[in-house]
Every structure is written in structure tokens, then in C-alpha cells.
């Protein structure tokens, strides 16, 4: 039954990976008391079938320095358990885009 309206398995996995990285980044920021005003993520894979490359971008709005946020990204990458499910021959890149905001 059903209408085939749900995500395919690859899309579901990509959503889980993006969610995990976002949660891990926010958790790392909270542990180090780094203010995060907003975070958005984007993920894509090529090809869509047998995935060879995954590109993930996190956009972060924060008064913290770009260096501090880059350090958080490194911790988030280690803390994201979903990324451990990637095949060793899959290229996985993570890009951090920082938007500086005023401290509150």
C-alpha cells in the first residue's frame, strides 16, 4: 500500500547525516559555551544511486570567531555517528560558512 510519497533510502540517509552533523555541531557549541544564533544545512550526493560523493554545508550565524567555529566543526565531525556509516570509497566533504553576528 501507500502512495510512494516518502523519501527514497538515499534521501533518508542524507537527511539523517545532515541532522546528525547539525546536532553534533550545536552540542559541541553548547559544551564550549559558544553562542550560535542560527544554523542551516544543505546536503547533496552524486550520483543519486550508488553514491560516490557527498557534500554537506553548514551555515552558522554566530558572534564567535571563524577559528572557534571551525574547531567546533572538527569536533562535530568526530561526534557524528551517522558519518561512520559511510563507505570508505565515498568522498565526504563538509564546508562551514560563517556569518558573523553581534554579541548579545
PDB file of N, CA and C in Angstrom:
ATOM      1  N   UNK A   1       0.808  -1.173   0.000  1.00  0.00           N
ATOM      2  CA  UNK A   1       0.000   0.000   0.000  1.00  0.00           C
ATOM      3  C   UNK A   1       0.863   1.253   0.000  1.00  0.00           C
ATOM      4  N   UNK A   2       0.243   2.364   0.114  1.00  0.00           N
ATOM      5  CA  UNK A   2       0.950   3.632   0.185  1.00  0.00           C
ATOM      6  C   UNK A   2       0.939   4.355  -1.139  1.00  0.00           C
ATOM      7  N   UNK A   3       1.443   5.543  -1.140  1.00  0.00           N
ATOM      8  CA  UNK A   3       1.424   6.375  -2.346  1.00  0.00           C
ATOM      9  C   UNK A   3       2.814   6.660  -2.896  1.00  0.00           C
ATOM     10  N   UNK A   4       3.821   6.011  -2.349  1.00  0.00           N
ATOM     11  CA  UNK A   4       5.208   6.259  -2.768  1.00  0.00           C
ATOM     12  C   UNK A   4       5.589   7.733  -2.660  1.00  0.00           C
ATOM     13  N   UNK A   5       5.061   8.404  -1.658  1.00  0.00           N
ATOM     14  CA  UNK A   5       5.335   9.830  -1.476  1.00  0.00           C
ATOM     15  C   UNK A   5       6.492  10.082  -0.510  1.00  0.00           C
ATOM     16  N   UNK A   6       6.976   9.057   0.152  1.00  0.00           N
ATOM     17  CA  UNK A   6       8.053   9.231   1.129  1.00  0.00           C
ATOM     18  C   UNK A   6       9.410   9.302   0.458  1.00  0.00           C
ATOM     19  N   UNK A   7      10.439   9.621   1.240  1.00  0.00           N
ATOM     20  CA  UNK A   7      11.792   9.722   0.678  1.00  0.00           C
ATOM     21  C   UNK A   7      12.339   8.341   0.315  1.00  0.00           C
ATOM     22  N   UNK A   8      13.195   8.316  -0.706  1.00  0.00           N
ATOM     23  CA  UNK A   8      13.888   7.081  -1.041  1.00  0.00           C
ATOM     24  C   UNK A   8      14.980   6.852   0.011  1.00  0.00           C
ATOM     25  N   UNK A   9      15.559   5.661   0.091  1.00  0.00           N
ATOM     26  CA  UNK A   9      16.554   5.367   1.129  1.00  0.00           C
ATOM     27  C   UNK A   9      17.762   6.306   1.139  1.00  0.00           C
ATOM     28  N   UNK A  10      18.239   6.705  -0.033  1.00  0.00           N
ATOM     29  CA  UNK A  10      19.403   7.612  -0.086  1.00  0.00           C
ATOM     30  C   UNK A  10      19.034   8.969   0.502  1.00  0.00           C
ATOM     31  N   UNK A  11      17.876   9.496   0.145  1.00  0.00           N
ATOM     32  CA  UNK A  11      17.433  10.783   0.675  1.00  0.00           C
ATOM     33  C   UNK A  11      17.242  10.703   2.185  1.00  0.00           C
ATOM     34  N   UNK A  12      16.688   9.602   2.669  1.00  0.00           N
ATOM     35  CA  UNK A  12      16.508   9.425   4.111  1.00  0.00           C
ATOM     36  C   UNK A  12      17.864   9.404   4.822  1.00  0.00           C
ATOM     37  N   UNK A  13      18.843   8.703   4.244  1.00  0.00           N
ATOM     38  CA  UNK A  13      20.180   8.662   4.847  1.00  0.00           C
ATOM     39  C   UNK A  13      20.828  10.042   4.846  1.00  0.00           C
ATOM     40  N   UNK A  14      20.713  10.768   3.736  1.00  0.00           N
ATOM     41  CA  UNK A  14      21.297  12.110   3.668  1.00  0.00           C
ATOM     42  C   UNK A  14      20.663  13.023   4.711  1.00  0.00           C
ATOM     43  N   UNK A  15      19.362  12.903   4.914  1.00  0.00           N
ATOM     44  CA  UNK A  15      18.686  13.687   5.950  1.00  0.00           C
ATOM     45  C   UNK A  15      19.203  13.347   7.332  1.00  0.00           C
ATOM     46  N   UNK A  16      19.427  12.061   7.578  1.00  0.00           N
ATOM     47  CA  UNK A  16      19.965  11.634   8.872  1.00  0.00           C
ATOM     48  C   UNK A  16      21.383  12.166   9.072  1.00  0.00           C
ATOM     49  N   UNK A  17      22.190  12.136   8.024  1.00  0.00           N
ATOM     50  CA  UNK A  17      23.563  12.633   8.109  1.00  0.00           C
ATOM     51  C   UNK A  17      23.592  14.132   8.381  1.00  0.00           C
ATOM     52  N   UNK A  18      22.784  14.890   7.668  1.00  0.00           N
ATOM     53  CA  UNK A  18      22.719  16.333   7.883  1.00  0.00           C
ATOM     54  C   UNK A  18      22.212  16.642   9.291  1.00  0.00           C
ATOM     55  N   UNK A  19      21.199  15.940   9.730  1.00  0.00           N
ATOM     56  CA  UNK A  19      20.671  16.157  11.083  1.00  0.00           C
ATOM     57  C   UNK A  19      21.719  15.845  12.137  1.00  0.00           C
ATOM     58  N   UNK A  20      22.421  14.747  11.954  1.00  0.00           N
ATOM     59  CA  UNK A  20      23.442  14.345  12.924  1.00  0.00           C
ATOM     60  C   UNK A  20      24.558  15.387  13.015  1.00  0.00           C
ATOM     61  N   UNK A  21      25.021  15.880  11.860  1.00  0.00           N
ATOM     62  CA  UNK A  21      26.083  16.890  11.871  1.00  0.00           C
ATOM     63  C   UNK A  21      25.611  18.181  12.532  1.00  0.00           C
ATOM     64  N   UNK A  22      24.379  18.568  12.261  1.00  0.00           N
ATOM     65  CA  UNK A  22      23.831  19.788  12.856  1.00  0.00           C
ATOM     66  C   UNK A  22      23.713  19.645  14.370  1.00  0.00           C
ATOM     67  N   UNK A  23      23.186  18.524  14.823  1.00  0.00           N
ATOM     68  CA  UNK A  23      23.034  18.273  16.261  1.00  0.00           C
ATOM     69  C   UNK A  23      24.401  18.207  16.933  1.00  0.00           C
ATOM     70  N   UNK A  24      25.358  17.519  16.303  1.00  0.00           N
ATOM     71  CA  UNK A  24      26.706  17.401  16.877  1.00  0.00           C
ATOM     72  C   UNK A  24      27.378  18.768  16.966  1.00  0.00           C
ATOM     73  N   UNK A  25      27.178  19.615  15.949  1.00  0.00           N
ATOM     74  CA  UNK A  25      27.759  20.958  15.965  1.00  0.00           C
ATOM     75  C   UNK A  25      27.160  21.782  17.100  1.00  0.00           C
ATOM     76  N   UNK A  26      25.844  21.755  17.229  1.00  0.00           N
ATOM     77  CA  UNK A  26      25.185  22.514  18.292  1.00  0.00           C
ATOM     78  C   UNK A  26      25.587  21.995  19.671  1.00  0.00           C
ATOM     79  N   UNK A  27      25.746  20.680  19.820  1.00  0.00           N
ATOM     80  CA  UNK A  27      26.171  20.113  21.100  1.00  0.00           C
ATOM     81  C   UNK A  27      27.595  20.543  21.442  1.00  0.00           C
ATOM     82  N   UNK A  28      28.485  20.544  20.453  1.00  0.00           N
ATOM     83  CA  UNK A  28      29.859  20.990  20.686  1.00  0.00           C
ATOM     84  C   UNK A  28      29.875  22.458  21.092  1.00  0.00           C
ATOM     85  N   UNK A  29      29.048  23.272  20.458  1.00  0.00           N
ATOM     86  CA  UNK A  29      28.977  24.701  20.809  1.00  0.00           C
ATOM     87  C   UNK A  29      28.463  24.873  22.240  1.00  0.00           C
ATOM     88  N   UNK A  30      27.451  24.126  22.590  1.00  0.00           N
ATOM     89  CA  UNK A  30      26.879  24.231  23.943  1.00  0.00           C
ATOM     90  C   UNK A  30      27.910  23.836  25.011  1.00  0.00           C
ATOM     91  N   UNK A  31      28.657  22.749  24.754  1.00  0.00           N
ATOM     92  CA  UNK A  31      29.670  22.297  25.725  1.00  0.00           C
ATOM     93  C   UNK A  31      30.778  23.333  25.905  1.00  0.00           C
ATOM     94  N   UNK A  32      31.066  24.110  24.878  1.00  0.00           N
ATOM     95  CA  UNK A  32      32.147  25.096  24.950  1.00  0.00           C
ATOM     96  C   UNK A  32      31.615  26.515  25.100  1.00  0.00           C
ATOM     97  N   UNK A  33      30.345  26.627  25.418  1.00  0.00           N
ATOM     98  CA  UNK A  33      29.646  27.901  25.613  1.00  0.00           C
ATOM     99  C   UNK A  33      29.911  28.902  24.480  1.00  0.00           C
ATOM    100  N   UNK A  34      29.799  28.406  23.255  1.00  0.00           N
ATOM    101  CA  UNK A  34      29.918  29.242  22.068  1.00  0.00           C
ATOM    102  C   UNK A  34      28.499  29.551  21.592  1.00  0.00           C
ATOM    103  N   UNK A  35      28.193  30.832  21.480  1.00  0.00           N
ATOM    104  CA  UNK A  35      26.856  31.249  21.068  1.00  0.00           C
ATOM    105  C   UNK A  35      26.634  30.962  19.587  1.00  0.00           C
ATOM    106  N   UNK A  36      25.527  30.311  19.301  1.00  0.00           N
ATOM    107  CA  UNK A  36      25.092  30.068  17.927  1.00  0.00           C
ATOM    108  C   UNK A  36      23.716  30.705  17.788  1.00  0.00           C
ATOM    109  N   UNK A  37      23.606  31.715  16.934  1.00  0.00           N
ATOM    110  CA  UNK A  37      22.329  32.384  16.731  1.00  0.00           C
ATOM    111  C   UNK A  37      21.418  31.596  15.806  1.00  0.00           C
ATOM    112  N   UNK A  38      22.033  30.976  14.797  1.00  0.00           N
ATOM    113  CA  UNK A  38      21.250  30.251  13.796  1.00  0.00           C
ATOM    114  C   UNK A  38      22.170  29.283  13.068  1.00  0.00           C
ATOM    115  N   UNK A  39      21.613  28.163  12.640  1.00  0.00           N
ATOM    116  CA  UNK A  39      22.377  27.195  11.852  1.00  0.00           C
ATOM    117  C   UNK A  39      21.457  26.599  10.791  1.00  0.00           C
ATOM    118  N   UNK A  40      21.981  26.484   9.586  1.00  0.00           N
ATOM    119  CA  UNK A  40      21.263  25.870   8.470  1.00  0.00           C
ATOM    120  C   UNK A  40      22.214  24.903   7.786  1.00  0.00           C
ATOM    121  N   UNK A  41      21.660  23.895   7.179  1.00  0.00           N
ATOM    122  CA  UNK A  41      22.490  22.937   6.479  1.00  0.00           C
ATOM    123  C   UNK A  41      21.921  22.564   5.130  1.00  0.00           C
ATOM    124  N   UNK A  42      22.823  22.155   4.259  1.00  0.00           N
ATOM    125  CA  UNK A  42      22.460  21.708   2.915  1.00  0.00           C
ATOM    126  C   UNK A  42      23.326  20.490   2.611  1.00  0.00           C
ATOM    127  N   UNK A  43      22.732  19.501   1.953  1.00  0.00           N
ATOM    128  CA  UNK A  43      23.483  18.293   1.624  1.00  0.00           C
ATOM    129  C   UNK A  43      23.091  17.819   0.238  1.00  0.00           C
ATOM    130  N   UNK A  44      24.057  17.258  -0.480  1.00  0.00           N
ATOM    131  CA  UNK A  44      23.775  16.689  -1.797  1.00  0.00           C
ATOM    132  C   UNK A  44      24.698  15.505  -2.015  1.00  0.00           C
ATOM    133  N   UNK A  45      24.268  14.629  -2.913  1.00  0.00           N
ATOM    134  CA  UNK A  45      25.061  13.445  -3.231  1.00  0.00           C
ATOM    135  C   UNK A  45      25.059  13.232  -4.740  1.00  0.00           C
ATOM    136  N   UNK A  46      26.186  12.707  -5.240  1.00  0.00           N
ATOM    137  CA  UNK A  46      26.266  12.340  -6.652  1.00  0.00           C
ATOM    138  C   UNK A  46      26.958  10.993  -6.773  1.00  0.00           C
ATOM    139  N   UNK A  47      26.597  10.172  -7.676  1.00  0.00           N
ATOM    140  CA  UNK A  47      25.263  10.180  -8.261  1.00  0.00           C
ATOM    141  C   UNK A  47      24.238   9.811  -7.206  1.00  0.00           C
ATOM    142  N   UNK A  48      22.987   9.863  -7.561  1.00  0.00           N
ATOM    143  CA  UNK A  48      21.924   9.621  -6.584  1.00  0.00           C
ATOM    144  C   UNK A  48      21.812   8.133  -6.220  1.00  0.00           C
ATOM    145  N   UNK A  49      22.143   7.222  -7.108  1.00  0.00           N
ATOM    146  CA  UNK A  49      22.028   5.783  -6.856  1.00  0.00           C
ATOM    147  C   UNK A  49      23.131   5.277  -5.946  1.00  0.00           C
ATOM    148  N   UNK A  50      24.199   4.771  -6.527  1.00  0.00           N
ATOM    149  CA  UNK A  50      25.359   4.312  -5.755  1.00  0.00           C
ATOM    150  C   UNK A  50      26.240   5.523  -5.486  1.00  0.00           C
ATOM    151  N   UNK A  51      26.047   6.128  -4.345  1.00  0.00           N
ATOM    152  CA  UNK A  51      26.659   7.415  -4.013  1.00  0.00           C
ATOM    153  C   UNK A  51      28.181   7.298  -3.952  1.00  0.00           C
ATOM    154  N   UNK A  52      28.839   8.217  -4.619  1.00  0.00           N
ATOM    155  CA  UNK A  52      30.308   8.304  -4.601  1.00  0.00           C
ATOM    156  C   UNK A  52      30.784   9.546  -3.859  1.00  0.00           C
ATOM    157  N   UNK A  53      30.002  10.634  -3.926  1.00  0.00           N
ATOM    158  CA  UNK A  53      30.399  11.890  -3.295  1.00  0.00           C
ATOM    159  C   UNK A  53      29.221  12.486  -2.531  1.00  0.00           C
ATOM    160  N   UNK A  54      29.525  12.950  -1.328  1.00  0.00           N
ATOM    161  CA  UNK A  54      28.533  13.654  -0.518  1.00  0.00           C
ATOM    162  C   UNK A  54      29.139  14.993  -0.120  1.00  0.00           C
ATOM    163  N   UNK A  55      28.389  16.047  -0.349  1.00  0.00           N
ATOM    164  CA  UNK A  55      28.828  17.392   0.013  1.00  0.00           C
ATOM    165  C   UNK A  55      27.834  17.986   1.001  1.00  0.00           C
ATOM    166  N   UNK A  56      28.328  18.388   2.152  1.00  0.00           N
ATOM    167  CA  UNK A  56      27.496  18.951   3.209  1.00  0.00           C
ATOM    168  C   UNK A  56      28.000  20.349   3.535  1.00  0.00           C
ATOM    169  N   UNK A  57      27.091  21.302   3.631  1.00  0.00           N
ATOM    170  CA  UNK A  57      27.435  22.669   4.002  1.00  0.00           C
ATOM    171  C   UNK A  57      26.641  23.051   5.235  1.00  0.00           C
ATOM    172  N   UNK A  58      27.336  23.561   6.234  1.00  0.00           N
ATOM    173  CA  UNK A  58      26.689  24.136   7.405  1.00  0.00           C
ATOM    174  C   UNK A  58      26.896  25.636   7.358  1.00  0.00           C
ATOM    175  N   UNK A  59      25.817  26.378   7.443  1.00  0.00           N
ATOM    176  CA  UNK A  59      25.875  27.833   7.540  1.00  0.00           C
ATOM    177  C   UNK A  59      25.559  28.195   8.977  1.00  0.00           C
ATOM    178  N   UNK A  60      26.455  28.952   9.590  1.00  0.00           N
ATOM    179  CA  UNK A  60      26.322  29.284  11.009  1.00  0.00           C
ATOM    180  C   UNK A  60      26.367  30.796  11.185  1.00  0.00           C
ATOM    181  N   UNK A  61      25.408  31.311  11.944  1.00  0.00           N
ATOM    182  CA  UNK A  61      25.372  32.714  12.330  1.00  0.00           C
ATOM    183  C   UNK A  61      25.768  32.763  13.795  1.00  0.00           C
ATOM    184  N   UNK A  62      26.870  33.470  14.096  1.00  0.00           N
ATOM    185  CA  UNK A  62      27.409  33.481  15.452  1.00  0.00           C
ATOM    186  C   UNK A  62      28.332  34.680  15.650  1.00  0.00           C
ATOM    187  N   UNK A  63      28.417  35.180  16.895  1.00  0.00           N
ATOM    188  CA  UNK A  63      29.394  36.221  17.182  1.00  0.00           C
ATOM    189  C   UNK A  63      30.804  35.644  17.409  1.00  0.00           C
ATOM    190  N   UNK A  64      30.928  34.333  17.461  1.00  0.00           N
ATOM    191  CA  UNK A  64      32.227  33.695  17.705  1.00  0.00           C
ATOM    192  C   UNK A  64      33.132  33.846  16.488  1.00  0.00           C
ATOM    193  N   UNK A  65      34.422  33.696  16.715  1.00  0.00           N
ATOM    194  CA  UNK A  65      35.381  33.811  15.615  1.00  0.00           C
ATOM    195  C   UNK A  65      35.261  32.604  14.685  1.00  0.00           C
ATOM    196  N   UNK A  66      35.658  32.819  13.442  1.00  0.00           N
ATOM    197  CA  UNK A  66      35.614  31.718  12.469  1.00  0.00           C
ATOM    198  C   UNK A  66      36.500  30.560  12.919  1.00  0.00           C
ATOM    199  N   UNK A  67      37.615  30.871  13.544  1.00  0.00           N
ATOM    200  CA  UNK A  67      38.515  29.816  14.031  1.00  0.00           C
ATOM    201  C   UNK A  67      37.834  28.960  15.098  1.00  0.00           C
ATOM    202  N   UNK A  68      37.143  29.607  16.050  1.00  0.00           N
ATOM    203  CA  UNK A  68      36.424  28.844  17.082  1.00  0.00           C
ATOM    204  C   UNK A  68      35.355  27.956  16.455  1.00  0.00           C
ATOM    205  N   UNK A  69      34.653  28.480  15.466  1.00  0.00           N
ATOM    206  CA  UNK A  69      33.605  27.702  14.813  1.00  0.00           C
ATOM    207  C   UNK A  69      34.192  26.557  14.002  1.00  0.00           C
ATOM    208  N   UNK A  70      35.337  26.769  13.380  1.00  0.00           N
ATOM    209  CA  UNK A  70      35.998  25.693  12.644  1.00  0.00           C
ATOM    210  C   UNK A  70      36.415  24.579  13.601  1.00  0.00           C
ATOM    211  N   UNK A  71      36.890  24.942  14.797  1.00  0.00           N
ATOM    212  CA  UNK A  71      37.226  23.938  15.806  1.00  0.00           C
ATOM    213  C   UNK A  71      35.994  23.138  16.210  1.00  0.00           C
ATOM    214  N   UNK A  72      34.854  23.809  16.310  1.00  0.00           N
ATOM    215  CA  UNK A  72      33.603  23.107  16.627  1.00  0.00           C
ATOM    216  C   UNK A  72      33.241  22.123  15.523  1.00  0.00           C
ATOM    217  N   UNK A  73      33.472  22.520  14.287  1.00  0.00           N
ATOM    218  CA  UNK A  73      33.161  21.637  13.171  1.00  0.00           C
ATOM    219  C   UNK A  73      33.983  20.355  13.250  1.00  0.00           C
ATOM    220  N   UNK A  74      35.260  20.483  13.580  1.00  0.00           N
ATOM    221  CA  UNK A  74      36.117  19.296  13.715  1.00  0.00           C
ATOM    222  C   UNK A  74      35.574  18.366  14.795  1.00  0.00           C
ATOM    223  N   UNK A  75      35.128  18.910  15.907  1.00  0.00           N
ATOM    224  CA  UNK A  75      34.550  18.102  16.982  1.00  0.00           C
ATOM    225  C   UNK A  75      33.229  17.473  16.542  1.00  0.00           C
ATOM    226  N   UNK A  76      32.428  18.230  15.809  1.00  0.00           N
ATOM    227  CA  UNK A  76      31.144  17.716  15.329  1.00  0.00           C
ATOM    228  C   UNK A  76      31.353  16.558  14.358  1.00  0.00           C
ATOM    229  N   UNK A  77      32.350  16.670  13.504  1.00  0.00           N
ATOM    230  CA  UNK A  77      32.628  15.583  12.559  1.00  0.00           C
ATOM    231  C   UNK A  77      33.000  14.302  13.293  1.00  0.00           C
ATOM    232  N   UNK A  78      33.752  14.420  14.370  1.00  0.00           N
ATOM    233  CA  UNK A  78      34.100  13.240  15.168  1.00  0.00           C
ATOM    234  C   UNK A  78      32.900  12.720  15.956  1.00  0.00           C
ATOM    235  N   UNK A  79      31.985  13.612  16.325  1.00  0.00           N
ATOM    236  CA  UNK A  79      30.842  13.236  17.143  1.00  0.00           C
ATOM    237  C   UNK A  79      29.624  12.765  16.373  1.00  0.00           C
ATOM    238  N   UNK A  80      29.649  12.867  15.062  1.00  0.00           N
ATOM    239  CA  UNK A  80      28.509  12.447  14.241  1.00  0.00           C
ATOM    240  C   UNK A  80      28.655  10.968  13.899  1.00  0.00           C
ATOM    241  N   UNK A  81      27.841  10.149  14.549  1.00  0.00           N
ATOM    242  CA  UNK A  81      27.937   8.704  14.363  1.00  0.00           C
ATOM    243  C   UNK A  81      27.390   8.245  13.016  1.00  0.00           C
ATOM    244  N   UNK A  82      26.494   9.002  12.433  1.00  0.00           N
ATOM    245  CA  UNK A  82      25.933   8.611  11.140  1.00  0.00           C
ATOM    246  C   UNK A  82      27.013   8.631  10.070  1.00  0.00           C
ATOM    247  N   UNK A  83      27.955   9.573  10.160  1.00  0.00           N
ATOM    248  CA  UNK A  83      29.017   9.638   9.148  1.00  0.00           C
ATOM    249  C   UNK A  83      29.900   8.392   9.191  1.00  0.00           C
ATOM    250  N   UNK A  84      29.930   7.705  10.319  1.00  0.00           N
ATOM    251  CA  UNK A  84      30.693   6.461  10.423  1.00  0.00           C
ATOM    252  C   UNK A  84      30.121   5.338   9.573  1.00  0.00           C
ATOM    253  N   UNK A  85      28.912   5.520   9.071  1.00  0.00           N
ATOM    254  CA  UNK A  85      28.274   4.511   8.233  1.00  0.00           C
ATOM    255  C   UNK A  85      28.627   4.670   6.758  1.00  0.00           C
ATOM    256  N   UNK A  86      29.377   5.716   6.428  1.00  0.00           N
ATOM    257  CA  UNK A  86      29.748   5.946   5.029  1.00  0.00           C
ATOM    258  C   UNK A  86      30.747   4.894   4.558  1.00  0.00           C
ATOM    259  N   UNK A  87      30.626   4.530   3.298  1.00  0.00           N
ATOM    260  CA  UNK A  87      31.587   3.606   2.706  1.00  0.00           C
ATOM    261  C   UNK A  87      32.940   4.292   2.609  1.00  0.00           C
ATOM    262  N   UNK A  88      33.982   3.517   2.723  1.00  0.00           N
ATOM    263  CA  UNK A  88      35.332   4.096   2.687  1.00  0.00           C
ATOM    264  C   UNK A  88      35.672   4.690   1.318  1.00  0.00           C
ATOM    265  N   UNK A  89      35.018   4.247   0.260  1.00  0.00           N
ATOM    266  CA  UNK A  89      35.308   4.791  -1.067  1.00  0.00           C
ATOM    267  C   UNK A  89      34.393   5.963  -1.436  1.00  0.00           C
ATOM    268  N   UNK A  90      33.589   6.431  -0.480  1.00  0.00           N
ATOM    269  CA  UNK A  90      32.738   7.600  -0.713  1.00  0.00           C
ATOM    270  C   UNK A  90      33.461   8.855  -0.239  1.00  0.00           C
ATOM    271  N   UNK A  91      33.495   9.871  -1.086  1.00  0.00           N
ATOM    272  CA  UNK A  91      34.102  11.148  -0.704  1.00  0.00           C
ATOM    273  C   UNK A  91      33.063  11.953   0.077  1.00  0.00           C
ATOM    274  N   UNK A  92      33.458  12.419   1.259  1.00  0.00           N
ATOM    275  CA  UNK A  92      32.556  13.184   2.120  1.00  0.00           C
ATOM    276  C   UNK A  92      33.242  14.491   2.471  1.00  0.00           C
ATOM    277  N   UNK A  93      32.665  15.609   2.017  1.00  0.00           N
ATOM    278  CA  UNK A  93      33.236  16.913   2.328  1.00  0.00           C
ATOM    279  C   UNK A  93      32.231  17.734   3.127  1.00  0.00           C
ATOM    280  N   UNK A  94      32.771  18.481   4.070  1.00  0.00           N
ATOM    281  CA  UNK A  94      31.955  19.360   4.893  1.00  0.00           C
ATOM    282  C   UNK A  94      32.540  20.763   4.786  1.00  0.00           C
ATOM    283  N   UNK A  95      31.686  21.713   4.456  1.00  0.00           N
ATOM    284  CA  UNK A  95      32.093  23.106   4.325  1.00  0.00           C
ATOM    285  C   UNK A  95      31.340  23.916   5.361  1.00  0.00           C
ATOM    286  N   UNK A  96      32.049  24.780   6.058  1.00  0.00           N
ATOM    287  CA  UNK A  96      31.450  25.661   7.050  1.00  0.00           C
ATOM    288  C   UNK A  96      31.427  27.071   6.490  1.00  0.00           C
ATOM    289  N   UNK A  97      30.250  27.662   6.450  1.00  0.00           N
ATOM    290  CA  UNK A  97      30.089  29.057   6.055  1.00  0.00           C
ATOM    291  C   UNK A  97      29.687  29.846   7.292  1.00  0.00           C
ATOM    292  N   UNK A  98      30.475  30.863   7.618  1.00  0.00           N
ATOM    293  CA  UNK A  98      30.252  31.631   8.841  1.00  0.00           C
ATOM    294  C   UNK A  98      29.691  33.011   8.512  1.00  0.00           C
ATOM    295  N   UNK A  99      28.625  33.374   9.205  1.00  0.00           N
ATOM    296  CA  UNK A  99      28.033  34.699   9.115  1.00  0.00           C
ATOM    297  C   UNK A  99      28.215  35.338  10.498  1.00  0.00           C
ATOM    298  N   UNK A 100      29.043  36.337  10.589  1.00  0.00           N
ATOM    299  CA  UNK A 100      29.335  36.981  11.869  1.00  0.00           C
ATOM    300  C   UNK A 100      28.157  37.845  12.303  1.00  0.00           C
ATOM    301  N   UNK A 101      27.774  37.684  13.565  1.00  0.00           N
ATOM    302  CA  UNK A 101      26.699  38.490  14.148  1.00  0.00           C
ATOM    303  C   UNK A 101      27.253  39.239  15.347  1.00  0.00           C
ATOM    304  N   UNK A 102      26.488  40.172  15.843  1.00  0.00           N
ATOM    305  CA  UNK A 102      26.872  40.950  17.032  1.00  0.00           C
ATOM    306  C   UNK A 102      26.582  40.137  18.285  1.00  0.00           C
ATOM    307  N   UNK A 103      27.487  40.201  19.253  1.00  0.00           N
ATOM    308  CA  UNK A 103      27.271  39.526  20.530  1.00  0.00           C
ATOM    309  C   UNK A 103      26.107  40.197  21.258  1.00  0.00           C
ATOM    310  N   UNK A 104      25.311  39.342  21.915  1.00  0.00           N
ATOM    311  CA  UNK A 104      24.164  39.899  22.662  1.00  0.00           C
ATOM    312  C   UNK A 104      24.460  39.982  24.126  1.00  0.00           C
TER     313      UNK A 104
END
